[in-house]
C-alpha cells in the first residue's frame, strides 16, 4: 500500500536524460523565483513607483506568453535538445546582464524592462521545448510519474525560491541575486548537452507561416476529444485562479485575521499540492484517470464554495489545503493525459497552449475576482466562484464522454 502511494521516482532512476532535464528544470524554477523577488525590489528602490513595478512584471509576463507560443512552433520544427540549450544559454546571458546592470552606480530602468522581457521570452521557449521533449525521455507508463515529479518541483520551488531570493537580496543585494541565478542557469547547460537528439517525429517545414502553425495547433486541440476536453476544463481553473485576489479581504472581513492569516491562506494550497505529489504513486496505475481527474475537479471547486462559508482561520486553512491537494491530483493526471494523447508532431504547440493557459489563467481570473469583489462581500464572492465552477465542472463530467473514459494508453483516433 505504501509503495502504491509514495511518489514514483522511476523516471529519475531509470532515465538519465530525464534526470538531467529534471535537475535543469529545478534550477530554472529557482532562478525564476529569485528573479520574481529581485526585479520588483530593484525597480521599486530605483523609482519608488508601483506603476513601474507593475510595468516590468507585465513586460515579463507578456513575453513569457509569447515565448510559450513561439517555442511551441519551434519545438515542432527543430531539435528540442538544441532548442533547450539555446534558450537556456540566452536566459543565462540575460541574468548576467541584469547582474552587471545592478552593479552599476546608476542602474538603467530601461534595461530592466528589456531584460525582464528577454528572460520571460527565453524561459517560455525553454519550458515548452522541455515539456515537448519529456515523452521521449521516459517510458509511456511513466508519464504520470514524470508529471508528478515536475509538479513537485514547481510547488517546492514556488515555496522556497522567493524566500531564498529574499535572503540573498537582504544579505548581499540584488546584483548577487542575479549572479546566482545566472550561475545556476548556465551551469545546467552541461546537463542538457548530454541529452540525445530530440527531433520531432514529423517536423514541420521551417519556412511555413508560424501563425498558421499556431492555428493548426488550435485546430488539433479543438478536434481532439480528450485534449480538447482537457483544455476546456482548464478554462474553469483559469477562473478559479483569481481567488487569491480575494484572500486579504476575506481574511480581514470574514475571518477577523491579519497578515499572518493571509500568509497561511496563501501557503495552504501549496502545502496540499506538495502532499498530493508525494502520494501520487497510484496515479500512474489508475484505470480511469479521466474520470478521476473530473472527480478531483468537481471536488476542488466544491471545496472553494465551502471556503467562502468558513468563519474560522483554521477551518479556512484546512479547506484550502484540501483544495490544493485535489487541484494537484487534477494537474498531474491532466499532464499525463495530454502527453499521452498528443502525437509527437504536435507536442510543442499543445504544450505551449497548455502552458499559456496555465500562466494567463491567473491574470484573467484575477481581473474577474477583483471586479466581483467590488459588488459582493469576499466570502459571498468565493461561494459564487466555487459553486458556479463546480456546477460547470459537473456538467462537463456528464457530457465529455471522451474524457470520462480516457486512459493513459489511448487507441489512435479515427482519421
Protein backbone atom coordinates (compact mmCIF):
# COMPACT_ATOMS: atom_id res chain seq x y z
CA UNK A 1 0.00 0.00 0.00
CA UNK A 2 2.80 2.43 0.90
CA UNK A 3 4.64 1.65 -2.33
CA UNK A 4 1.46 2.40 -4.30
CA UNK A 5 1.01 5.74 -2.52
CA UNK A 6 4.56 7.11 -2.41
CA UNK A 7 5.56 9.19 -5.43
CA UNK A 8 7.05 7.09 -8.23
CA UNK A 9 10.69 8.11 -8.74
CA UNK A 10 11.14 5.54 -11.51
CA UNK A 11 11.72 8.18 -14.23
CA UNK A 12 14.64 9.60 -12.23
CA UNK A 13 16.09 6.18 -11.53
CA UNK A 14 15.62 4.63 -14.97
CA UNK A 15 16.28 7.52 -17.37
CA UNK A 16 19.49 9.53 -17.13
CA UNK A 17 18.30 12.03 -19.79
CA UNK A 18 15.12 12.70 -17.81
CA UNK A 19 17.20 13.04 -14.65
CA UNK A 20 19.35 15.69 -16.33
CA UNK A 21 16.29 17.56 -17.58
CA UNK A 22 14.67 17.33 -14.15
CA UNK A 23 17.71 18.87 -12.45
CA UNK A 24 17.89 21.60 -15.10
CA UNK A 25 14.18 22.36 -14.65
CA UNK A 26 14.56 22.52 -10.87
CA UNK A 27 17.40 25.01 -11.18
CA UNK A 28 15.33 27.04 -13.66
CA UNK A 29 12.36 27.14 -11.28
CA UNK A 30 14.55 28.50 -8.51
CA UNK A 31 16.09 31.04 -10.89
CA UNK A 32 12.65 32.27 -11.93
CA UNK A 33 11.57 32.52 -8.29
CA UNK A 34 14.65 34.54 -7.37
CA UNK A 35 14.06 36.82 -10.37
CA UNK A 36 10.45 37.33 -9.26
CA UNK A 37 11.73 38.79 -5.97
CA UNK A 38 14.75 40.75 -7.18
CA UNK A 39 13.11 42.61 -10.08
CA UNK A 40 10.25 44.23 -8.11
CA UNK A 41 12.60 45.11 -5.24
CA UNK A 42 15.15 46.76 -7.55
CA UNK A 43 12.54 48.61 -9.62
CA UNK A 44 10.83 49.99 -6.52
CA UNK A 45 14.17 51.03 -4.99
CA UNK A 46 15.04 52.88 -8.21
CA UNK A 47 11.70 54.57 -8.85
CA UNK A 48 9.52 54.36 -5.74
CA UNK A 49 6.69 53.71 -8.21
CA UNK A 50 4.32 50.76 -8.13
CA UNK A 51 3.41 51.65 -11.73
CA UNK A 52 6.92 50.76 -12.88
CA UNK A 53 6.90 47.63 -10.72
CA UNK A 54 3.69 46.53 -12.44
CA UNK A 55 5.08 47.55 -15.83
CA UNK A 56 8.20 45.42 -15.51
CA UNK A 57 6.14 42.45 -14.27
CA UNK A 58 3.73 42.88 -17.19
CA UNK A 59 6.63 43.03 -19.67
CA UNK A 60 7.98 39.76 -18.32
CA UNK A 61 4.53 38.13 -18.26
CA UNK A 62 3.55 39.08 -21.82
CA UNK A 63 6.98 37.99 -23.08
CA UNK A 64 6.56 34.65 -21.28
CA UNK A 65 3.25 34.04 -23.06
CA UNK A 66 4.84 34.96 -26.40
CA UNK A 67 7.73 32.60 -25.59
CA UNK A 68 5.30 29.73 -25.00
CA UNK A 69 3.59 30.19 -28.37
CA UNK A 70 6.80 30.80 -30.32
CA UNK A 71 8.53 27.95 -28.51
CA UNK A 72 5.66 25.61 -29.40
CA UNK A 73 6.15 26.27 -33.10
CA UNK A 74 9.94 25.90 -32.84
CA UNK A 75 9.68 22.68 -30.79
CA UNK A 76 7.64 21.04 -33.57
CA UNK A 77 10.14 22.12 -36.23
CA UNK A 78 13.61 21.70 -34.74
CA UNK A 79 15.69 19.50 -32.46
CA UNK A 80 14.25 20.10 -28.98
CA UNK A 81 17.60 19.44 -27.28
CA UNK A 82 19.27 22.20 -29.28
CA UNK A 83 16.32 24.50 -28.63
CA UNK A 84 16.58 23.98 -24.87
CA UNK A 85 20.32 24.64 -24.94
CA UNK A 86 20.00 27.86 -26.90
CA UNK A 87 17.08 29.17 -24.83
CA UNK A 88 18.77 28.36 -21.50
CA UNK A 89 22.02 29.96 -22.67
CA UNK A 90 20.15 33.09 -23.79
CA UNK A 91 18.29 33.27 -20.45
CA UNK A 92 21.58 32.89 -18.57
CA UNK A 93 23.09 35.77 -20.54
CA UNK A 94 20.05 37.83 -19.60
CA UNK A 95 20.71 37.13 -15.91
CA UNK A 96 24.37 38.12 -16.37
CA UNK A 97 23.34 41.43 -17.93
CA UNK A 98 20.88 42.05 -15.09
CA UNK A 99 23.70 41.49 -12.60
CA UNK A 100 26.05 43.85 -14.47
CA UNK A 101 23.32 46.50 -14.64
CA UNK A 102 22.67 46.12 -10.89
CA UNK A 103 26.35 46.70 -10.06
CA UNK A 104 26.42 49.99 -11.99
CA UNK A 105 26.42 53.22 -9.94
CA UNK A 106 23.16 54.20 -11.68
CA UNK A 107 21.32 51.10 -12.94
CA UNK A 108 19.20 51.57 -16.07
CA UNK A 109 15.43 51.24 -15.69
CA UNK A 110 15.04 50.73 -19.44
CA UNK A 111 17.48 47.81 -19.24
CA UNK A 112 15.32 46.22 -16.52
CA UNK A 113 12.26 46.41 -18.78
CA UNK A 114 14.15 44.97 -21.75
CA UNK A 115 15.94 42.20 -19.83
CA UNK A 116 12.80 41.18 -17.94
CA UNK A 117 11.05 40.73 -21.29
CA UNK A 118 14.07 38.89 -22.72
CA UNK A 119 14.24 36.41 -19.86
CA UNK A 120 10.47 35.89 -19.99
CA UNK A 121 10.65 35.13 -23.71
CA UNK A 122 13.56 32.70 -23.39
CA UNK A 123 12.03 30.99 -20.36
CA UNK A 124 8.82 30.39 -22.31
CA UNK A 125 10.73 28.84 -25.22
CA UNK A 126 12.79 26.67 -22.87
CA UNK A 127 9.83 25.37 -20.84
CA UNK A 128 7.85 24.49 -23.98
CA UNK A 129 10.77 22.59 -25.51
CA UNK A 130 11.33 20.72 -22.24
CA UNK A 131 7.67 19.68 -21.94
CA UNK A 132 7.60 18.54 -25.57
CA UNK A 133 10.79 16.51 -25.09
CA UNK A 134 9.73 14.70 -21.90
CA UNK A 135 7.62 11.92 -23.52
CA UNK A 136 10.70 10.82 -25.49
CA UNK A 137 12.79 10.53 -22.30
CA UNK A 138 10.57 8.24 -20.20
CA UNK A 139 8.56 5.08 -20.81
CA UNK A 140 4.89 5.66 -21.76
CA UNK A 141 3.68 4.18 -18.45
CA UNK A 142 5.88 6.66 -16.53
CA UNK A 143 4.43 9.87 -17.99
CA UNK A 144 2.18 10.50 -14.99
CA UNK A 145 5.11 9.86 -12.64
CA UNK A 146 7.18 12.37 -14.61
CA UNK A 147 4.32 14.87 -14.33
CA UNK A 148 4.13 14.34 -10.57
CA UNK A 149 7.88 14.92 -10.20
CA UNK A 150 7.67 18.09 -12.28
CA UNK A 151 4.68 19.31 -10.27
CA UNK A 152 6.54 18.67 -7.02
CA UNK A 153 9.49 20.68 -8.28
CA UNK A 154 7.29 23.62 -9.24
CA UNK A 155 5.42 23.60 -5.91
CA UNK A 156 8.54 23.35 -3.77
CA UNK A 157 10.28 25.93 -5.92
CA UNK A 158 7.38 28.38 -5.64
CA UNK A 159 7.50 28.00 -1.86
CA UNK A 160 11.26 28.11 -1.33
CA UNK A 161 12.76 30.19 -4.15
CA UNK A 162 11.12 33.54 -3.21
CA UNK A 163 12.33 33.10 0.36
CA UNK A 164 15.83 32.22 -0.87
CA UNK A 165 15.78 35.21 -3.22
CA UNK A 166 14.70 37.49 -0.41
CA UNK A 167 17.52 36.27 1.82
CA UNK A 168 20.14 36.81 -0.90
CA UNK A 169 18.82 40.30 -1.66
CA UNK A 170 18.78 41.23 2.04
CA UNK A 171 22.26 39.88 2.72
CA UNK A 172 24.16 40.72 -0.47
CA UNK A 173 21.95 42.87 -2.75
CA UNK A 174 20.03 42.30 -5.98
CA UNK A 175 23.20 42.07 -8.08
CA UNK A 176 24.33 38.91 -6.37
CA UNK A 177 20.81 37.51 -6.65
CA UNK A 178 21.00 37.85 -10.44
CA UNK A 179 24.56 36.48 -10.42
CA UNK A 180 23.45 33.36 -8.51
CA UNK A 181 20.57 32.81 -10.94
CA UNK A 182 22.95 33.24 -13.89
CA UNK A 183 25.45 30.75 -12.46
CA UNK A 184 22.75 28.16 -11.88
CA UNK A 185 21.18 28.63 -15.32
CA UNK A 186 24.44 28.48 -17.25
CA UNK A 187 25.56 25.53 -15.10
CA UNK A 188 22.62 23.46 -16.41
CA UNK A 189 23.96 23.63 -19.97
CA UNK A 190 26.37 20.75 -19.26
CA UNK A 191 23.41 18.58 -18.21
CA UNK A 192 21.42 19.44 -21.33
CA UNK A 193 24.41 18.90 -23.62
CA UNK A 194 24.42 15.22 -22.68
CA UNK A 195 20.88 14.64 -23.95
CA UNK A 196 20.26 12.66 -27.13
CA UNK A 197 18.94 14.40 -30.23
CA UNK A 198 15.24 15.08 -29.75
CA UNK A 199 13.92 15.87 -33.21
CA UNK A 200 10.12 15.74 -33.61
CA UNK A 201 8.82 12.64 -35.36
CA UNK A 202 7.27 14.67 -38.18
CA UNK A 203 8.93 18.04 -38.45
CA UNK A 204 7.06 20.98 -39.93
CA UNK A 205 8.64 22.95 -42.74
CA UNK A 206 10.92 25.57 -41.26
CA UNK A 207 9.71 28.27 -43.63
CA UNK A 208 6.00 27.66 -43.02
CA UNK A 209 3.99 30.56 -41.62
CA UNK A 210 4.32 30.41 -37.80
CA UNK A 211 0.83 31.87 -37.32
CA UNK A 212 -0.56 29.09 -39.50
CA UNK A 213 1.34 26.58 -37.36
CA UNK A 214 -0.18 28.02 -34.17
CA UNK A 215 -3.63 27.92 -35.77
CA UNK A 216 -3.05 24.28 -36.71
CA UNK A 217 -2.32 23.60 -33.04
CA UNK A 218 -5.63 25.23 -32.07
CA UNK A 219 -7.45 23.13 -34.66
CA UNK A 220 -5.90 19.93 -33.33
CA UNK A 221 -6.93 20.79 -29.76
CA UNK A 222 -10.48 21.71 -30.83
CA UNK A 223 -10.94 18.48 -32.80
CA UNK A 224 -9.47 16.02 -30.28
CA UNK A 225 -11.98 14.52 -27.85
CA UNK A 226 -9.59 14.19 -24.91
CA UNK A 227 -7.09 17.02 -25.38
CA UNK A 228 -9.87 19.48 -26.30
CA UNK A 229 -11.85 18.46 -23.23
CA UNK A 230 -8.80 18.95 -21.00
CA UNK A 231 -8.26 22.45 -22.38
CA UNK A 232 -11.95 23.24 -21.89
CA UNK A 233 -11.74 22.11 -18.29
CA UNK A 234 -8.63 24.26 -17.92
CA UNK A 235 -10.77 27.34 -18.63
CA UNK A 236 -12.56 26.76 -15.32
CA UNK A 237 -9.25 26.66 -13.49
CA UNK A 238 -8.35 29.94 -15.18
CA UNK A 239 -11.41 31.47 -13.50
CA UNK A 240 -10.57 29.91 -10.12
CA UNK A 241 -7.03 31.27 -10.46
CA UNK A 242 -8.34 34.67 -9.35
CA UNK A 243 -9.38 33.53 -5.87
CA UNK A 244 -6.08 34.70 -4.21
CA UNK A 245 -7.07 38.30 -5.04
CA UNK A 246 -9.91 37.98 -2.53
CA UNK A 247 -7.80 36.46 0.25
CA UNK A 248 -6.69 39.69 2.04
CA UNK A 249 -10.27 40.98 2.22
CA UNK A 250 -11.59 37.52 3.15
CA UNK A 251 -9.05 37.18 5.98
CA UNK A 252 -9.94 40.62 7.37
CA UNK A 253 -13.71 40.74 6.94
CA UNK A 254 -14.72 37.09 7.29
CA UNK A 255 -12.01 35.57 9.50
CA UNK A 256 -11.10 38.61 11.66
CA UNK A 257 -7.43 37.93 10.86
CA UNK A 258 -4.42 39.91 9.77
CA UNK A 259 -1.25 39.49 7.73
CA UNK A 260 -0.40 36.16 9.40
CA UNK A 261 -3.78 34.73 8.41
CA UNK A 262 -3.31 35.91 4.83
CA UNK A 263 0.08 34.21 4.70
CA UNK A 264 -1.38 30.94 5.97
CA UNK A 265 -4.20 31.12 3.40
CA UNK A 266 -1.69 31.56 0.60
CA UNK A 267 0.57 28.76 1.87
CA UNK A 268 -2.14 26.14 2.49
CA UNK A 269 -2.87 25.19 -1.18
CA UNK A 270 0.86 24.80 -1.91
CA UNK A 271 1.26 22.51 1.11
CA UNK A 272 -1.69 20.40 -0.02
CA UNK A 273 -0.25 20.20 -3.53
CA UNK A 274 3.13 19.02 -2.21
CA UNK A 275 1.44 16.23 -0.23
CA UNK A 276 -0.57 15.21 -3.30
CA UNK A 277 2.62 14.96 -5.36
CA UNK A 278 4.40 12.93 -2.67
CA UNK A 279 1.49 10.44 -2.51
CA UNK A 280 0.84 10.23 -6.26
CA UNK A 281 2.25 6.74 -6.83
CA UNK A 282 -1.25 5.40 -7.56
CA UNK A 283 -1.94 7.90 -10.35
CA UNK A 284 0.18 6.18 -12.99
CA UNK A 285 -1.75 2.93 -12.48
CA UNK A 286 -5.24 4.50 -12.42
CA UNK A 287 -7.65 2.53 -14.60
CA UNK A 288 -9.84 5.57 -15.30
CA UNK A 289 -7.58 8.63 -15.00
CA UNK A 290 -10.02 10.82 -16.94
CA UNK A 291 -12.83 10.04 -14.52
CA UNK A 292 -10.51 10.57 -11.52
CA UNK A 293 -9.49 13.94 -12.97
CA UNK A 294 -13.12 15.04 -13.33
CA UNK A 295 -13.94 13.93 -9.78
CA UNK A 296 -10.94 15.88 -8.47
CA UNK A 297 -12.04 18.96 -10.43
CA UNK A 298 -15.60 18.94 -9.08
CA UNK A 299 -14.33 18.26 -5.54
CA UNK A 300 -11.84 21.12 -5.73
CA UNK A 301 -14.42 23.66 -6.84
CA UNK A 302 -16.88 22.42 -4.19
CA UNK A 303 -14.14 22.97 -1.59
CA UNK A 304 -13.79 26.57 -2.78
CA UNK A 305 -17.53 27.09 -2.34
CA UNK A 306 -17.25 25.81 1.23
CA UNK A 307 -14.29 28.12 1.84
CA UNK A 308 -16.49 31.17 1.39
CA UNK A 309 -18.67 29.95 4.27
CA UNK A 310 -15.77 29.48 6.70
CA UNK A 311 -15.57 31.85 9.66
CA UNK A 312 -12.53 30.48 11.49
CA UNK A 313 -8.95 30.71 10.16
CA UNK A 314 -8.13 27.08 10.99
CA UNK A 315 -11.13 25.82 9.01
CA UNK A 316 -10.29 28.07 6.06
CA UNK A 317 -6.68 26.86 6.02
CA UNK A 318 -7.84 23.22 6.16
CA UNK A 319 -10.23 23.73 3.23
CA UNK A 320 -7.52 25.41 1.14
CA UNK A 321 -5.17 22.54 1.97
CA UNK A 322 -7.76 20.10 0.59
CA UNK A 323 -8.26 22.34 -2.47
CA UNK A 324 -4.52 22.37 -3.17
CA UNK A 325 -4.40 18.58 -2.74
CA UNK A 326 -7.15 17.75 -5.24
CA UNK A 327 -6.02 20.50 -7.64
CA UNK A 328 -2.57 18.92 -7.76
CA UNK A 329 -4.09 15.50 -8.48
CA UNK A 330 -6.02 17.08 -11.36
CA UNK A 331 -2.85 18.75 -12.64
CA UNK A 332 -0.81 15.53 -12.52
CA UNK A 333 -3.47 13.48 -14.32
CA UNK A 334 -4.05 16.25 -16.88
CA UNK A 335 -0.33 16.31 -17.68
CA UNK A 336 -0.23 12.56 -18.26
CA UNK A 337 -3.34 12.56 -20.44
CA UNK A 338 -2.19 15.50 -22.57
CA UNK A 339 1.24 13.97 -23.20
CA UNK A 340 -0.10 10.50 -23.98
CA UNK A 341 -2.92 11.66 -26.30
CA UNK A 342 -0.91 14.24 -28.29
CA UNK A 343 1.12 13.00 -31.29
CA UNK A 344 4.80 13.91 -31.27
CA UNK A 345 4.33 16.24 -34.25
CA UNK A 346 2.04 18.50 -32.15
CA UNK A 347 3.60 18.17 -28.68
CA UNK A 348 5.34 21.53 -28.86
CA UNK A 349 2.27 23.56 -29.80
CA UNK A 350 -0.14 21.71 -27.49
CA UNK A 351 2.21 22.11 -24.51
CA UNK A 352 2.64 25.76 -25.46
CA UNK A 353 -1.12 26.33 -25.41
CA UNK A 354 -1.42 24.48 -22.10
CA UNK A 355 1.41 26.50 -20.53
CA UNK A 356 -0.06 29.75 -21.85
CA UNK A 357 -3.42 28.78 -20.40
CA UNK A 358 -1.87 27.97 -17.03
CA UNK A 359 0.13 31.21 -16.95
CA UNK A 360 -2.52 33.54 -18.31
CA UNK A 361 -5.28 31.99 -16.23
CA UNK A 362 -4.19 33.69 -13.04
CA UNK A 363 -4.23 37.12 -14.67
CA UNK A 364 -7.67 36.64 -16.25
CA UNK A 365 -9.10 35.15 -13.08
CA UNK A 366 -7.65 37.98 -11.01
CA UNK A 367 -9.43 40.59 -13.13
CA UNK A 368 -12.73 38.74 -12.70
CA UNK A 369 -12.28 38.25 -8.96
CA UNK A 370 -11.30 41.88 -8.46
CA UNK A 371 -14.41 43.07 -10.33
CA UNK A 372 -16.69 40.67 -8.46
CA UNK A 373 -15.21 41.75 -5.13
CA UNK A 374 -16.43 45.29 -5.76
CA UNK A 375 -20.07 44.20 -5.62
CA UNK A 376 -20.09 41.24 -3.21
CA UNK A 377 -18.60 40.51 0.19
CA UNK A 378 -15.40 38.40 -0.21
CA UNK A 379 -16.99 35.31 1.32
CA UNK A 380 -20.03 35.57 -0.96
CA UNK A 381 -17.81 36.11 -3.99
CA UNK A 382 -15.80 32.96 -3.18
CA UNK A 383 -19.01 30.94 -2.70
CA UNK A 384 -20.28 32.15 -6.09
CA UNK A 385 -16.95 31.37 -7.77
CA UNK A 386 -16.77 27.87 -6.32
CA UNK A 387 -20.43 26.98 -6.86
CA UNK A 388 -20.58 28.10 -10.50
CA UNK A 389 -17.27 26.37 -11.26
CA UNK A 390 -18.39 23.13 -9.54
CA UNK A 391 -21.68 23.09 -11.46
CA UNK A 392 -19.92 23.71 -14.78
CA UNK A 393 -17.29 21.03 -13.99
CA UNK A 394 -20.07 18.56 -13.14
CA UNK A 395 -21.82 19.39 -16.42
CA UNK A 396 -18.58 18.77 -18.30
CA UNK A 397 -18.11 15.48 -16.42
CA UNK A 398 -21.54 14.33 -17.57
CA UNK A 399 -21.16 15.42 -21.19
CA UNK A 400 -17.46 14.84 -22.04
CA UNK A 401 -17.64 11.09 -22.61
CA UNK A 402 -14.26 11.02 -24.33
CA UNK A 403 -12.52 12.44 -21.28
CA UNK A 404 -14.52 10.39 -18.78
CA UNK A 405 -13.44 7.15 -20.46
CA UNK A 406 -9.89 8.29 -21.36
CA UNK A 407 -6.92 6.11 -20.41
CA UNK A 408 -3.18 6.70 -20.33
CA UNK A 409 -2.68 4.22 -23.20
CA UNK A 410 -5.03 5.57 -25.85
CA UNK A 411 -6.15 3.96 -29.06
CA UNK A 412 -5.44 6.04 -32.19
CA UNK A 413 -8.27 8.39 -33.02
CA UNK A 414 -10.21 7.67 -36.26
CA UNK A 415 -8.74 9.66 -39.14
